[in-house]
Amino acid sequence: MRVLFLLIVVANVWLYALGQGWVAPRPEDAGRDRGRVGQELSAERVTLKR
């Protein structure tokens, strides 16, 4: 019973660390390109011409 409890605790700690990005990139950030964030346009500066 103690072994099962310890396994569950270790699994929870591992999943928490994975979710926080301590072990690998966060799952939500898998397809994102962080370099493009600085290249985004400001919505205020964009004008539409006909």
N, C-alpha and C. Protein backbone atom coordinates (compact mmCIF):
# COMPACT_ATOMS: atom_id res chain seq x y z
N MET A 1 0.82 -1.18 0.00
CA MET A 1 0.00 0.00 0.00
C MET A 1 0.87 1.26 0.00
N ARG A 2 1.98 1.22 0.72
CA ARG A 2 2.88 2.37 0.76
C ARG A 2 3.52 2.60 -0.60
N VAL A 3 3.84 1.51 -1.27
CA VAL A 3 4.48 1.63 -2.58
C VAL A 3 3.51 2.28 -3.57
N LEU A 4 2.27 1.89 -3.54
CA LEU A 4 1.26 2.48 -4.42
C LEU A 4 1.09 3.96 -4.12
N PHE A 5 1.05 4.30 -2.85
CA PHE A 5 0.93 5.71 -2.46
C PHE A 5 2.12 6.52 -2.97
N LEU A 6 3.32 6.00 -2.79
CA LEU A 6 4.52 6.70 -3.25
C LEU A 6 4.53 6.83 -4.77
N LEU A 7 4.09 5.81 -5.47
CA LEU A 7 4.01 5.88 -6.93
C LEU A 7 3.05 6.97 -7.38
N ILE A 8 1.93 7.09 -6.73
CA ILE A 8 0.97 8.12 -7.08
C ILE A 8 1.54 9.51 -6.79
N VAL A 9 2.22 9.66 -5.67
CA VAL A 9 2.82 10.96 -5.33
C VAL A 9 3.89 11.33 -6.36
N VAL A 10 4.75 10.38 -6.72
CA VAL A 10 5.80 10.65 -7.70
C VAL A 10 5.19 11.00 -9.05
N ALA A 11 4.14 10.30 -9.47
CA ALA A 11 3.48 10.59 -10.74
C ALA A 11 2.87 11.99 -10.72
N ASN A 12 2.27 12.38 -9.61
CA ASN A 12 1.70 13.73 -9.51
C ASN A 12 2.77 14.80 -9.58
N VAL A 13 3.87 14.59 -8.90
CA VAL A 13 4.98 15.56 -8.94
C VAL A 13 5.54 15.65 -10.35
N TRP A 14 5.69 14.51 -11.03
CA TRP A 14 6.21 14.50 -12.40
C TRP A 14 5.28 15.27 -13.34
N LEU A 15 3.99 15.02 -13.25
CA LEU A 15 3.05 15.72 -14.13
C LEU A 15 2.99 17.21 -13.83
N TYR A 16 3.11 17.57 -12.57
CA TYR A 16 3.14 19.00 -12.22
C TYR A 16 4.39 19.66 -12.81
N ALA A 17 5.54 19.01 -12.69
CA ALA A 17 6.79 19.55 -13.24
C ALA A 17 6.70 19.66 -14.76
N LEU A 18 6.10 18.69 -15.40
CA LEU A 18 5.94 18.73 -16.86
C LEU A 18 5.02 19.87 -17.27
N GLY A 19 3.95 20.05 -16.54
CA GLY A 19 3.00 21.13 -16.84
C GLY A 19 3.57 22.51 -16.62
N GLN A 20 4.51 22.65 -15.70
CA GLN A 20 5.13 23.94 -15.41
C GLN A 20 6.29 24.24 -16.35
N GLY A 21 6.72 23.26 -17.14
CA GLY A 21 7.82 23.48 -18.07
C GLY A 21 9.18 23.25 -17.45
N TRP A 22 9.26 22.59 -16.32
CA TRP A 22 10.54 22.34 -15.68
C TRP A 22 11.30 21.21 -16.36
N VAL A 23 10.61 20.25 -16.93
CA VAL A 23 11.23 19.06 -17.50
C VAL A 23 11.43 19.21 -19.00
N ALA A 24 10.45 19.75 -19.67
CA ALA A 24 10.46 19.91 -21.12
C ALA A 24 9.57 21.10 -21.45
N PRO A 25 9.52 21.51 -22.71
CA PRO A 25 8.59 22.59 -23.05
C PRO A 25 7.16 22.22 -22.69
N ARG A 26 6.41 23.20 -22.24
CA ARG A 26 5.03 22.95 -21.85
C ARG A 26 4.22 22.44 -23.02
N PRO A 27 3.28 21.55 -22.78
CA PRO A 27 2.47 21.02 -23.89
C PRO A 27 1.71 22.09 -24.65
N GLU A 28 1.30 23.17 -23.98
CA GLU A 28 0.58 24.25 -24.67
C GLU A 28 1.48 25.02 -25.62
N ASP A 29 2.80 25.02 -25.37
CA ASP A 29 3.75 25.77 -26.18
C ASP A 29 4.35 24.94 -27.30
N ALA A 30 3.84 23.75 -27.54
CA ALA A 30 4.47 22.83 -28.48
C ALA A 30 4.58 23.40 -29.89
N GLY A 31 3.58 24.06 -30.41
CA GLY A 31 3.62 24.53 -31.79
C GLY A 31 3.91 26.02 -31.94
N ARG A 32 4.25 26.67 -30.87
CA ARG A 32 4.43 28.12 -30.92
C ARG A 32 5.86 28.50 -31.28
N ASP A 33 5.98 29.60 -31.99
CA ASP A 33 7.29 30.13 -32.35
C ASP A 33 7.48 31.43 -31.57
N ARG A 34 8.28 31.38 -30.55
CA ARG A 34 8.45 32.54 -29.67
C ARG A 34 9.16 33.70 -30.36
N GLY A 35 9.94 33.43 -31.39
CA GLY A 35 10.64 34.50 -32.09
C GLY A 35 9.73 35.42 -32.86
N ARG A 36 8.57 34.95 -33.24
CA ARG A 36 7.64 35.76 -34.04
C ARG A 36 6.85 36.73 -33.20
N VAL A 37 6.89 36.61 -31.89
CA VAL A 37 6.10 37.50 -31.03
C VAL A 37 6.55 38.94 -31.22
N GLY A 38 7.85 39.16 -31.36
CA GLY A 38 8.37 40.51 -31.56
C GLY A 38 8.05 41.08 -32.92
N GLN A 39 7.67 40.27 -33.87
CA GLN A 39 7.39 40.72 -35.23
C GLN A 39 5.92 41.06 -35.44
N GLU A 40 5.09 40.86 -34.46
CA GLU A 40 3.66 41.10 -34.63
C GLU A 40 3.37 42.59 -34.81
N LEU A 41 2.39 42.88 -35.63
CA LEU A 41 2.00 44.26 -35.88
C LEU A 41 1.09 44.77 -34.79
N SER A 42 1.14 46.06 -34.59
CA SER A 42 0.21 46.70 -33.65
C SER A 42 -1.11 46.93 -34.38
N ALA A 43 -2.19 46.57 -33.77
CA ALA A 43 -3.50 46.72 -34.39
C ALA A 43 -3.82 48.20 -34.64
N GLU A 44 -3.31 49.09 -33.83
CA GLU A 44 -3.59 50.52 -33.98
C GLU A 44 -2.93 51.08 -35.23
N ARG A 45 -1.83 50.51 -35.65
CA ARG A 45 -1.07 51.05 -36.77
C ARG A 45 -1.51 50.49 -38.11
N VAL A 46 -2.33 49.47 -38.11
CA VAL A 46 -2.76 48.84 -39.36
C VAL A 46 -3.93 49.63 -39.94
N THR A 47 -3.81 49.98 -41.23
CA THR A 47 -4.90 50.68 -41.92
C THR A 47 -5.28 49.89 -43.17
N LEU A 48 -6.55 49.93 -43.49
CA LEU A 48 -7.06 49.24 -44.66
C LEU A 48 -7.32 50.26 -45.76
N LYS A 49 -6.85 49.94 -46.98
CA LYS A 49 -7.07 50.82 -48.13
C LYS A 49 -7.93 50.10 -49.14
N ARG A 50 -8.82 50.87 -49.81
CA ARG A 50 -9.69 50.28 -50.84
C ARG A 50 -9.22 50.66 -52.19
